[in-house]
Amino acid sequence: MTENGYEDNTAFLGEWGPFQQMVFFLLCLSIIPNGFTGMSIVFIGDTPSHHCLIPANANITGEWRNHSIPLEEESGNVVLSKCARYKLDVIQSFSERGYVPGIDVNVSEIQHETCLDGWEYDRGTYISTIVSEWDLVCADKWKNPLTSSVFFCGVLTGSFLSGQLSDRFGRKNILFATMGVQTVFTFIQVFSPTWVVFCALFFVVGMGQISNYVAAFVLGTEILSPSKRIIYSTLGVCMFYTIGYTLLPAVAFFIRDWRMLMLALTLPGFLYVPFWWFIPESPRWLLSQGRVEEAEAILRDAARRNRVTAPEVIFRPVQLEPKAGKLVAHNICDLVRSSNIRWVSITLWLVWTILSIGYFALSLNTSNLAGSSYLNCFLSAAIEVPAYTMAWLMFRCCPRRLCLFSTLFLGGVVLLCINLIPPNLSSVSTALEMLGKFGVTAAFSIVYAYTAELYPTVVRNTAIGACSMASRVGSISAPYFIYLGGCSKSLPYILMGSLTALSGLLSLLLPESHRMPLPDTITHMQTFPGWKKRSVY
């Protein structure tokens, strides 16, 4: 069935009745946990100030204890070394002889050793994080960015599996199954005894997190009318994600222990169980599976809620596809089978991957900016509100390619400009980073809705899942872009800025979908520039 045919047959429902309002707000509410689950690593995985622990029972004077840690320069400041101390047995020997550090002994000439007795962490900001609990510092510092990457590996796996499962078993079933996975495994994660167990559970949480986000996005896109679909996909879903993201620093400010913070962020997930009885399956998906009676039953219930009368026959048999009566099964291979859909898919995969690097690297970097990590995280979340609002306004009246190109190019150029700011103007650098986050966030909102418009109903959820899966290559590598800042502070911004601007140019190659009907089959797709449409399906 064509897009216009479906819209004509369901026009009796109206555009914004109680049924559509219920679906809109319940699906948006289901997105809130994704905002604080995905970004919680900013606080639970932050690295407090630390230095080598000098055991309390070490037989040295207070004066020698104060001189037991070497000094080193870090970002222009002299600080205690994080990973070395003076050899404790040598210091004990000098202390027993009554030598005075700096007078009788040139302390800088004493040999160094690693932190054999562990580390002492600053408790001023956090009671505990996974870094302070499992000593993910110095020789084990590489485990910290790997923790985030493991989560995004789970997101990658979820993107691959959930799209195909949702297209096969239904949007609603996968939505609630993956919400349950996310909630239950985050709760189990609170009791992780080791870093390895924490990462294994974090992987599963990542699988659930992206799966329910994509399922909710597609479900709302297919149920709502065209005018409300734009609001839902560019403003509704994204704004409620931001609500969750904004709540994260507020909750983390009052709960400084990582286990208690995760517990507090997990419990709201159990409140979504009653939503099962109010959120319906997608009638479009049911029609694509040949389940016409179930689709009509949902629409008749919607008519009852909207207090309108449904026609006796909503979908006439002659309108339904496939015409031969044989149901055509679709899978991820269909995204590259013909030249037209192949080039659309490859271009979108590249854009999503690069966009994901910028978005997640900037989001995870807030704890490394000057000032309070809580305030920086809040600003990073709050800047998404005007970004999503602008994306919605642009999406209402502007060509899709122009929307995506302008926001990506803005983000890329601003990130490149950060390198021109002197180190003493840290507030200006932070402001530019937030402006870059503004452009990248707006682009992320636009690319989700744009992708949903380009692909047909029969592979839409699979396509968005595949694009999301491709983008996880970017999100998996994003923590290491931040890690590069330890070598050169300008390098991450050069890489992120250049790649983001490049992805903006790539987006100009995509077909235009502005004011075009939402395709239901692969033959209804818009043509990639330079390719002729072929009747393959």
Protein backbone atom coordinates (compact mmCIF):
# COMPACT_ATOMS: atom_id res chain seq x y z
CA MET A 1 0.00 0.00 0.00
CA THR A 2 1.34 3.46 -0.85
CA GLU A 3 1.84 6.19 1.73
CA ASN A 4 -1.00 8.28 0.31
CA GLY A 5 -3.30 5.24 0.29
CA TYR A 6 -2.62 4.51 3.96
CA GLU A 7 -3.09 8.14 4.95
CA ASP A 8 -6.32 8.38 2.98
CA ASN A 9 -7.70 5.21 4.57
CA THR A 10 -6.86 6.38 8.11
CA ALA A 11 -7.86 10.03 7.64
CA PHE A 12 -11.08 9.38 9.59
CA LEU A 13 -8.99 9.29 12.81
CA GLY A 14 -8.00 12.95 12.50
CA GLU A 15 -4.49 14.21 13.13
CA TRP A 16 -4.34 14.96 16.85
CA GLY A 17 -7.00 13.14 18.80
CA PRO A 18 -6.67 11.48 22.24
CA PHE A 19 -5.25 8.32 20.61
CA GLN A 20 -2.41 10.15 18.83
CA GLN A 21 -1.70 12.25 21.93
CA MET A 22 -1.49 9.13 24.10
CA VAL A 23 0.90 7.38 21.69
CA PHE A 24 3.01 10.52 21.29
CA PHE A 25 3.55 11.18 24.99
CA LEU A 26 3.89 7.57 26.15
CA LEU A 27 6.53 6.82 23.53
CA CYS A 28 8.34 10.05 24.40
CA LEU A 29 8.27 9.16 28.10
CA SER A 30 9.80 5.76 27.29
CA ILE A 31 12.86 7.58 25.93
CA ILE A 32 13.77 9.40 29.18
CA PRO A 33 15.85 6.55 30.72
CA ASN A 34 18.04 6.48 27.60
CA GLY A 35 19.20 10.01 28.39
CA PHE A 36 20.70 9.20 31.78
CA THR A 37 21.70 5.58 31.11
CA GLY A 38 23.87 6.37 28.10
CA MET A 39 25.66 9.31 29.71
CA SER A 40 25.93 8.05 33.30
CA ILE A 41 29.53 6.98 32.60
CA VAL A 42 30.46 10.69 32.69
CA PHE A 43 30.11 10.52 36.48
CA ILE A 44 30.42 6.86 37.42
CA GLY A 45 33.60 6.61 35.32
CA ASP A 46 35.18 9.98 36.11
CA THR A 47 38.77 10.01 37.38
CA PRO A 48 39.23 11.92 40.68
CA SER A 49 42.53 13.59 41.50
CA HIS A 50 44.88 10.97 42.92
CA HIS A 51 48.43 10.18 43.92
CA CYS A 52 50.35 7.24 45.35
CA LEU A 53 49.24 6.05 48.76
CA ILE A 54 51.79 6.23 51.56
CA PRO A 55 50.71 3.61 54.13
CA ALA A 56 49.62 5.03 57.48
CA ASN A 57 51.92 2.56 59.27
CA ALA A 58 55.00 3.65 57.30
CA ASN A 59 57.70 4.58 59.81
CA ILE A 60 58.49 8.10 58.51
CA THR A 61 58.14 11.60 59.93
CA GLY A 62 55.39 13.96 58.87
CA GLU A 63 57.93 16.10 57.04
CA TRP A 64 59.14 13.17 54.93
CA ARG A 65 55.54 12.06 54.34
CA ASN A 66 54.82 15.49 52.81
CA HIS A 67 57.83 15.09 50.48
CA SER A 68 57.26 11.46 49.49
CA ILE A 69 55.48 12.23 46.21
CA PRO A 70 57.40 13.82 43.28
CA LEU A 71 56.04 16.98 41.65
CA GLU A 72 55.30 17.19 37.93
CA GLU A 73 53.85 19.75 35.54
CA GLU A 74 50.36 19.25 34.17
CA SER A 75 48.61 21.81 31.94
CA GLY A 76 50.94 24.52 33.20
CA ASN A 77 50.37 23.65 36.87
CA VAL A 78 52.69 21.85 39.30
CA VAL A 79 50.88 18.89 40.88
CA LEU A 80 51.70 15.71 42.75
CA SER A 81 52.68 12.82 40.51
CA LYS A 82 49.78 10.46 39.85
CA CYS A 83 51.75 7.31 39.15
CA ALA A 84 55.06 7.49 41.04
CA ARG A 85 56.49 8.07 44.49
CA TYR A 86 59.99 8.21 45.92
CA LYS A 87 61.25 4.79 46.99
CA LEU A 88 59.66 4.22 50.35
CA ASP A 89 62.53 2.19 51.85
CA VAL A 90 64.99 5.00 51.00
CA ILE A 91 62.71 7.62 52.57
CA GLN A 92 62.33 5.45 55.70
CA SER A 93 66.11 5.17 55.95
CA PHE A 94 66.56 8.94 55.72
CA SER A 95 63.75 9.50 58.21
CA GLU A 96 65.27 7.10 60.76
CA ARG A 97 68.62 8.90 60.50
CA GLY A 98 66.94 12.23 61.25
CA TYR A 99 67.72 13.80 57.89
CA VAL A 100 65.59 16.79 56.83
CA PRO A 101 64.20 16.76 53.26
CA GLY A 102 65.47 19.65 51.12
CA ILE A 103 68.26 20.48 53.58
CA ASP A 104 70.18 17.30 54.30
CA VAL A 105 68.87 15.45 51.23
CA ASN A 106 68.20 16.60 47.66
CA VAL A 107 64.80 14.94 47.35
CA SER A 108 64.70 15.16 43.54
CA GLU A 109 67.65 12.75 43.33
CA ILE A 110 65.84 9.94 45.16
CA GLN A 111 64.81 7.07 42.89
CA HIS A 112 61.14 6.64 41.95
CA GLU A 113 58.90 3.61 42.21
CA THR A 114 55.34 2.82 41.15
CA CYS A 115 52.37 3.03 43.50
CA LEU A 116 52.97 -0.33 45.15
CA ASP A 117 50.44 0.31 47.94
CA GLY A 118 47.69 1.70 45.72
CA TRP A 119 46.40 5.23 45.38
CA GLU A 120 44.82 7.93 47.50
CA TYR A 121 41.86 9.62 45.79
CA ASP A 122 40.39 13.05 46.35
CA ARG A 123 36.93 12.63 47.93
CA GLY A 124 35.87 16.24 47.49
CA THR A 125 33.83 15.59 44.31
CA TYR A 126 32.99 11.89 44.47
CA ILE A 127 32.64 9.39 47.30
CA SER A 128 33.54 6.69 44.79
CA THR A 129 33.62 5.97 41.06
CA ILE A 130 34.51 2.79 39.21
CA VAL A 131 37.96 4.34 38.70
CA SER A 132 38.62 4.82 42.41
CA GLU A 133 37.07 1.47 43.35
CA TRP A 134 39.05 -0.64 40.89
CA ASP A 135 42.11 1.63 40.45
CA LEU A 136 41.68 2.28 36.72
CA VAL A 137 44.63 4.65 36.64
CA CYS A 138 48.28 4.71 35.54
CA ALA A 139 49.10 1.27 34.03
CA ASP A 140 45.36 0.46 33.97
CA LYS A 141 44.28 3.85 32.64
CA TRP A 142 43.39 2.28 29.29
CA LYS A 143 40.50 0.47 30.96
CA ASN A 144 38.59 3.71 31.52
CA PRO A 145 37.88 4.61 27.85
CA LEU A 146 37.46 0.89 27.13
CA THR A 147 34.53 0.84 29.59
CA SER A 148 32.63 3.33 27.44
CA SER A 149 33.65 1.51 24.27
CA VAL A 150 32.29 -1.78 25.65
CA PHE A 151 28.94 -0.07 26.25
CA PHE A 152 28.92 1.20 22.67
CA CYS A 153 29.89 -2.27 21.43
CA GLY A 154 26.67 -3.40 23.09
CA VAL A 155 24.86 -0.58 21.33
CA LEU A 156 26.39 -1.77 18.04
CA THR A 157 25.19 -5.32 18.65
CA GLY A 158 21.74 -4.09 19.66
CA SER A 159 21.51 -1.95 16.52
CA PHE A 160 22.30 -4.99 14.40
CA LEU A 161 19.85 -7.34 16.09
CA SER A 162 16.95 -5.11 17.11
CA GLY A 163 16.22 -3.70 13.65
CA GLN A 164 15.74 -7.10 12.10
CA LEU A 165 13.90 -8.49 15.13
CA SER A 166 11.58 -5.48 15.15
CA ASP A 167 10.82 -5.84 11.45
CA ARG A 168 10.10 -9.52 12.02
CA PHE A 169 8.37 -9.66 15.42
CA GLY A 170 6.92 -6.18 15.71
CA ARG A 171 7.86 -2.74 17.01
CA LYS A 172 5.96 -3.05 20.29
CA ASN A 173 7.33 -6.44 21.31
CA ILE A 174 10.95 -5.39 20.78
CA LEU A 175 10.36 -2.01 22.44
CA PHE A 176 9.23 -3.53 25.73
CA ALA A 177 11.60 -6.50 25.65
CA THR A 178 14.62 -4.22 25.28
CA MET A 179 13.35 -1.74 27.88
CA GLY A 180 13.23 -4.68 30.27
CA VAL A 181 16.76 -5.74 29.34
CA GLN A 182 18.09 -2.23 29.93
CA THR A 183 16.40 -1.83 33.31
CA VAL A 184 17.11 -5.29 34.75
CA PHE A 185 20.76 -5.44 33.73
CA THR A 186 21.45 -1.90 34.95
CA PHE A 187 20.05 -2.98 38.31
CA ILE A 188 22.31 -6.07 38.35
CA GLN A 189 25.24 -3.82 37.42
CA VAL A 190 24.91 -2.05 40.77
CA PHE A 191 26.27 -5.19 42.45
CA SER A 192 29.24 -5.72 40.11
CA PRO A 193 32.15 -7.24 42.10
CA THR A 194 34.82 -6.51 39.47
CA TRP A 195 35.49 -4.25 36.51
CA VAL A 196 35.20 -7.20 34.10
CA VAL A 197 31.71 -8.09 35.38
CA PHE A 198 30.72 -4.40 35.23
CA CYS A 199 31.79 -4.20 31.57
CA ALA A 200 30.01 -7.45 30.63
CA LEU A 201 26.76 -6.12 32.11
CA PHE A 202 27.35 -2.69 30.55
CA PHE A 203 27.55 -4.40 27.16
CA VAL A 204 24.06 -5.90 27.64
CA VAL A 205 22.70 -2.55 28.88
CA GLY A 206 24.01 -0.95 25.69
CA MET A 207 22.16 -3.56 23.62
CA GLY A 208 18.88 -2.71 25.33
CA GLN A 209 19.41 1.06 25.33
CA ILE A 210 19.66 1.62 21.58
CA SER A 211 17.13 -1.09 20.73
CA ASN A 212 14.24 0.48 22.63
CA TYR A 213 15.17 3.95 21.36
CA VAL A 214 15.04 2.88 17.70
CA ALA A 215 11.88 0.82 18.21
CA ALA A 216 10.08 3.74 19.89
CA PHE A 217 11.26 6.12 17.18
CA VAL A 218 10.01 3.93 14.33
CA LEU A 219 6.75 3.02 16.10
CA GLY A 220 5.81 6.67 16.55
CA THR A 221 6.89 7.56 13.01
CA GLU A 222 4.58 4.89 11.58
CA ILE A 223 1.53 5.58 13.75
CA LEU A 224 1.42 9.37 13.72
CA SER A 225 0.20 11.54 10.83
CA PRO A 226 2.77 13.34 8.61
CA SER A 227 2.53 16.71 10.39
CA LYS A 228 2.84 15.19 13.87
CA ARG A 229 5.48 12.73 12.67
CA ILE A 230 7.89 15.63 12.08
CA ILE A 231 7.30 17.02 15.58
CA TYR A 232 7.71 13.57 17.11
CA SER A 233 10.89 12.59 15.26
CA THR A 234 12.76 15.90 15.46
CA LEU A 235 11.45 17.39 18.70
CA GLY A 236 9.43 14.96 20.83
CA VAL A 237 11.75 11.94 21.08
CA CYS A 238 14.89 14.06 21.22
CA MET A 239 13.53 16.51 23.79
CA PHE A 240 12.52 13.74 26.17
CA TYR A 241 15.96 12.17 25.72
CA THR A 242 17.36 15.55 26.77
CA ILE A 243 15.11 15.58 29.83
CA GLY A 244 16.77 12.36 30.96
CA TYR A 245 20.20 13.72 30.08
CA THR A 246 19.51 16.93 32.05
CA LEU A 247 18.31 14.98 35.09
CA LEU A 248 21.60 13.06 35.20
CA PRO A 249 23.87 15.84 36.58
CA ALA A 250 21.12 16.92 39.00
CA VAL A 251 20.82 13.42 40.46
CA ALA A 252 24.60 12.85 40.36
CA PHE A 253 25.17 16.11 42.27
CA PHE A 254 23.28 14.73 45.27
CA ILE A 255 24.40 11.09 44.96
CA ARG A 256 28.20 10.93 44.84
CA ASP A 257 28.62 7.15 45.19
CA TRP A 258 28.53 5.35 41.82
CA ARG A 259 26.56 2.32 43.03
CA MET A 260 23.85 4.41 44.65
CA LEU A 261 23.73 6.65 41.58
CA MET A 262 23.16 3.69 39.28
CA LEU A 263 20.47 2.35 41.59
CA ALA A 264 18.68 5.71 41.57
CA LEU A 265 18.83 5.83 37.75
CA THR A 266 17.56 2.24 37.41
CA LEU A 267 14.40 2.30 39.54
CA PRO A 268 12.32 4.59 37.22
CA GLY A 269 12.58 1.91 34.52
CA PHE A 270 10.13 -0.31 36.41
CA LEU A 271 7.45 2.39 36.12
CA TYR A 272 7.08 1.70 32.40
CA VAL A 273 5.49 -1.75 32.76
CA PRO A 274 1.88 -0.41 32.59
CA PHE A 275 2.67 1.25 29.23
CA TRP A 276 2.26 -2.17 27.58
CA TRP A 277 -1.53 -1.89 27.81
CA PHE A 278 -1.64 1.57 26.23
CA ILE A 279 0.96 1.58 23.42
CA PRO A 280 -0.32 -0.29 20.33
CA GLU A 281 1.54 -2.16 17.62
CA SER A 282 2.20 -0.29 14.37
CA PRO A 283 -0.73 -0.81 11.94
CA ARG A 284 1.68 -0.16 9.07
CA TRP A 285 3.90 -3.01 10.20
CA LEU A 286 0.91 -5.32 10.63
CA LEU A 287 -0.22 -4.50 7.09
CA SER A 288 3.28 -5.18 5.74
CA GLN A 289 3.00 -8.63 7.40
CA GLY A 290 -0.44 -9.29 5.90
CA ARG A 291 -2.14 -9.07 9.33
CA VAL A 292 -4.95 -6.83 8.14
CA GLU A 293 -7.52 -7.75 10.80
CA GLU A 294 -5.14 -6.83 13.65
CA ALA A 295 -4.28 -3.53 11.97
CA GLU A 296 -7.97 -2.70 11.57
CA ALA A 297 -8.67 -3.66 15.20
CA ILE A 298 -6.06 -1.14 16.41
CA LEU A 299 -7.47 1.58 14.17
CA ARG A 300 -11.02 0.88 15.35
CA ASP A 301 -9.86 1.17 18.96
CA ALA A 302 -8.15 4.43 18.00
CA ALA A 303 -11.41 5.66 16.47
CA ARG A 304 -13.23 4.81 19.69
CA ARG A 305 -10.69 6.79 21.72
CA ASN A 306 -10.98 9.73 19.32
CA ARG A 307 -14.78 9.46 19.38
CA VAL A 308 -15.11 9.10 15.64
CA THR A 309 -16.76 6.38 13.56
CA ALA A 310 -14.53 4.02 11.61
CA PRO A 311 -15.70 2.86 8.15
CA GLU A 312 -17.00 -0.67 7.86
CA VAL A 313 -14.00 -1.69 5.74
CA ILE A 314 -10.80 0.30 6.34
CA PHE A 315 -8.48 -1.47 3.91
CA ARG A 316 -9.93 -2.98 0.74
CA PRO A 317 -8.19 -6.17 -0.46
CA VAL A 318 -7.33 -4.63 -3.85
CA GLN A 319 -5.24 -1.97 -2.07
CA LEU A 320 -3.05 -4.37 -0.14
CA GLU A 321 0.42 -5.54 -1.16
CA PRO A 322 2.06 -7.78 -2.19
CA LYS A 323 -0.39 -8.22 -5.09
CA ALA A 324 0.38 -11.88 -5.68
CA GLY A 325 -0.67 -12.64 -2.13
CA LYS A 326 2.79 -13.92 -1.28
CA LEU A 327 4.53 -12.16 1.61
CA VAL A 328 8.02 -10.96 0.69
CA ALA A 329 10.54 -11.29 3.54
CA HIS A 330 13.08 -8.48 3.88
CA ASN A 331 16.36 -8.37 5.75
CA ILE A 332 19.50 -6.26 6.12
CA CYS A 333 20.84 -7.51 2.76
CA ASP A 334 18.09 -5.53 1.02
CA LEU A 335 19.86 -2.33 2.08
CA VAL A 336 22.65 -3.02 -0.42
CA ARG A 337 20.94 -5.21 -3.02
CA SER A 338 20.22 -2.59 -5.72
CA SER A 339 22.45 0.31 -6.79
CA ASN A 340 20.03 3.01 -5.63
CA ILE A 341 19.45 1.79 -2.07
CA ARG A 342 23.11 0.69 -1.79
CA TRP A 343 24.49 4.21 -2.35
CA VAL A 344 21.87 5.75 -0.08
CA SER A 345 22.86 3.28 2.64
CA ILE A 346 26.64 3.72 2.26
CA THR A 347 26.37 7.52 2.35
CA LEU A 348 24.13 7.45 5.40
CA TRP A 349 26.40 4.97 7.20
CA LEU A 350 29.37 7.30 6.74
CA VAL A 351 27.41 10.36 7.89
CA TRP A 352 26.04 8.54 10.95
CA THR A 353 29.48 7.21 11.92
CA ILE A 354 31.19 10.60 11.79
CA LEU A 355 28.26 12.34 13.47
CA SER A 356 28.36 9.82 16.31
CA ILE A 357 32.06 10.51 16.93
CA GLY A 358 31.36 14.22 17.39
CA TYR A 359 28.25 13.86 19.53
CA PHE A 360 29.54 11.28 22.00
CA ALA A 361 33.09 12.62 22.23
CA LEU A 362 31.72 16.08 23.12
CA SER A 363 29.19 14.61 25.57
CA LEU A 364 31.74 12.41 27.35
CA ASN A 365 34.33 15.21 27.46
CA THR A 366 32.37 17.45 29.87
CA SER A 367 34.24 16.19 32.94
CA ASN A 368 37.53 17.29 31.33
CA LEU A 369 36.46 20.91 30.75
CA ALA A 370 37.40 23.75 33.09
CA GLY A 371 34.99 24.26 36.00
CA SER A 372 32.42 22.00 37.63
CA SER A 373 31.80 18.69 35.88
CA TYR A 374 28.16 18.84 37.03
CA LEU A 375 27.61 22.29 35.54
CA ASN A 376 29.41 21.37 32.33
CA CYS A 377 27.31 18.23 31.92
CA PHE A 378 24.14 20.23 32.57
CA LEU A 379 25.15 22.83 29.95
CA SER A 380 25.97 20.08 27.47
CA ALA A 381 22.47 18.65 28.03
CA ALA A 382 20.69 22.00 28.11
CA ILE A 383 22.22 23.13 24.79
CA GLU A 384 20.35 20.27 23.17
CA VAL A 385 16.98 21.96 23.85
CA PRO A 386 17.54 24.90 21.43
CA ALA A 387 19.34 22.51 19.06
CA TYR A 388 16.32 20.22 18.80
CA THR A 389 13.98 23.19 18.55
CA MET A 390 15.97 24.62 15.65
CA ALA A 391 16.11 21.18 13.99
CA TRP A 392 12.31 20.93 14.21
CA LEU A 393 11.78 24.42 12.76
CA MET A 394 14.22 23.72 9.92
CA PHE A 395 12.69 20.32 9.23
CA ARG A 396 9.22 21.83 8.88
CA CYS A 397 10.07 24.12 5.99
CA CYS A 398 13.58 23.47 4.65
CA PRO A 399 14.97 20.85 2.27
CA ARG A 400 16.41 17.92 4.20
CA ARG A 401 19.85 18.07 2.61
CA LEU A 402 20.19 21.75 3.49
CA CYS A 403 19.14 21.06 7.10
CA LEU A 404 21.70 18.30 7.57
CA PHE A 405 24.54 20.02 5.73
CA SER A 406 24.21 23.37 7.54
CA THR A 407 24.14 21.88 11.05
CA LEU A 408 27.03 19.48 10.41
CA PHE A 409 29.16 22.16 8.79
CA LEU A 410 28.45 24.59 11.64
CA GLY A 411 29.53 22.00 14.22
CA GLY A 412 32.69 21.10 12.32
CA VAL A 413 33.89 24.67 11.74
CA VAL A 414 33.26 25.70 15.37
CA LEU A 415 35.24 22.72 16.71
CA LEU A 416 38.17 23.66 14.47
CA CYS A 417 38.05 27.24 15.81
CA ILE A 418 38.61 26.02 19.41
CA ASN A 419 42.30 25.53 18.58
CA LEU A 420 42.64 29.27 17.93
CA ILE A 421 41.63 30.21 21.50
CA PRO A 422 44.49 30.96 23.98
CA PRO A 423 44.73 28.51 26.94
CA ASN A 424 43.91 31.26 29.47
CA LEU A 425 40.48 31.84 27.88
CA SER A 426 39.03 28.48 28.96
CA SER A 427 35.49 29.91 29.23
CA VAL A 428 35.58 30.90 25.54
CA SER A 429 36.77 27.39 24.60
CA THR A 430 33.93 25.88 26.64
CA ALA A 431 31.41 28.19 24.94
CA LEU A 432 32.68 27.17 21.50
CA GLU A 433 32.55 23.50 22.45
CA MET A 434 28.92 23.96 23.51
CA LEU A 435 28.18 25.69 20.18
CA GLY A 436 29.79 22.76 18.38
CA LYS A 437 27.62 20.42 20.46
CA PHE A 438 24.61 22.53 19.39
CA GLY A 439 25.34 21.94 15.69
CA VAL A 440 26.11 18.24 16.08
CA THR A 441 23.00 17.64 18.23
CA ALA A 442 20.73 19.37 15.71
CA ALA A 443 22.27 17.24 12.96
CA PHE A 444 21.68 14.05 14.98
CA SER A 445 18.00 14.93 15.36
CA ILE A 446 17.68 15.68 11.66
CA VAL A 447 19.50 12.58 10.44
CA TYR A 448 17.17 10.26 12.38
CA ALA A 449 14.04 11.80 10.82
CA TYR A 450 15.69 12.13 7.40
CA THR A 451 16.70 8.47 7.39
CA ALA A 452 13.16 7.40 8.35
CA GLU A 453 11.81 9.38 5.38
CA LEU A 454 14.27 7.87 2.88
CA TYR A 455 13.64 4.20 3.64
CA PRO A 456 10.36 2.28 3.03
CA THR A 457 8.19 0.64 5.67
CA VAL A 458 9.29 -2.90 4.81
CA VAL A 459 12.91 -2.19 5.83
CA ARG A 460 12.62 1.07 7.77
CA ASN A 461 13.39 -0.32 11.22
CA THR A 462 16.16 -2.51 9.80
CA ALA A 463 17.59 0.50 7.96
CA ILE A 464 17.58 2.77 10.99
CA GLY A 465 19.05 -0.05 13.05
CA ALA A 466 21.79 -0.53 10.43
CA CYS A 467 22.55 3.21 10.36
CA SER A 468 22.65 3.23 14.14
CA MET A 469 24.91 0.18 14.01
CA ALA A 470 27.27 1.97 11.61
CA SER A 471 27.31 5.02 13.86
CA ARG A 472 28.50 2.84 16.77
CA VAL A 473 31.84 2.48 15.04
CA GLY A 474 32.07 6.21 15.78
CA SER A 475 30.76 6.00 19.32
CA ILE A 476 33.09 3.07 20.15
CA SER A 477 36.05 5.19 19.06
CA ALA A 478 34.74 8.43 20.65
CA PRO A 479 36.28 7.75 24.12
CA TYR A 480 39.68 7.39 22.48
CA PHE A 481 39.32 10.78 20.78
CA ILE A 482 39.11 12.17 24.32
CA TYR A 483 42.03 9.95 25.33
CA LEU A 484 44.14 11.62 22.60
CA GLY A 485 43.75 14.87 24.54
CA GLY A 486 46.37 13.55 26.94
CA CYS A 487 48.93 13.74 24.13
CA SER A 488 47.74 16.97 22.52
CA LYS A 489 44.75 19.05 23.58
CA SER A 490 44.21 20.35 20.04
CA LEU A 491 44.30 16.95 18.29
CA PRO A 492 40.76 15.77 19.26
CA TYR A 493 39.23 19.05 18.04
CA ILE A 494 41.15 18.96 14.75
CA LEU A 495 39.99 15.41 14.06
CA MET A 496 36.39 15.93 15.18
CA GLY A 497 36.04 19.26 13.38
CA SER A 498 37.48 18.00 10.10
CA LEU A 499 35.41 14.81 10.07
CA THR A 500 32.17 16.61 10.99
CA ALA A 501 32.62 19.20 8.22
CA LEU A 502 33.38 16.36 5.78
CA SER A 503 30.20 14.51 6.73
CA GLY A 504 28.26 17.72 6.01
CA LEU A 505 29.59 17.68 2.45
CA LEU A 506 28.71 13.98 2.12
CA SER A 507 25.10 14.68 3.10
CA LEU A 508 24.64 16.76 -0.05
CA LEU A 509 24.82 13.52 -2.07
CA LEU A 510 21.60 12.12 -0.55
CA PRO A 511 18.18 12.22 -2.27
CA GLU A 512 15.75 14.94 -1.21
CA SER A 513 12.68 13.76 0.73
CA HIS A 514 11.07 17.11 1.62
CA ARG A 515 7.31 17.00 0.96
CA MET A 516 7.62 13.52 -0.53
CA PRO A 517 5.28 10.66 0.54
CA LEU A 518 6.70 8.19 3.05
CA PRO A 519 7.62 5.10 0.96
CA ASP A 520 6.11 1.74 1.86
CA THR A 521 8.10 -0.47 -0.56
CA ILE A 522 11.63 -0.32 -1.97
CA THR A 523 10.33 0.70 -5.41
CA HIS A 524 8.81 3.84 -3.84
CA MET A 525 12.19 5.15 -2.61
CA GLN A 526 13.64 8.43 -3.86
CA THR A 527 16.45 8.03 -6.39
CA PHE A 528 20.09 8.61 -5.42
CA PRO A 529 21.52 11.41 -7.63
CA GLY A 530 23.07 9.94 -10.78
CA TRP A 531 21.23 6.60 -10.58
CA LYS A 532 18.14 5.53 -12.48
CA LYS A 533 15.43 3.71 -10.56
CA ARG A 534 15.12 0.07 -11.52
CA SER A 535 12.13 -2.17 -10.93
CA VAL A 536 13.95 -4.82 -8.94
CA TYR A 537 11.16 -5.45 -6.41
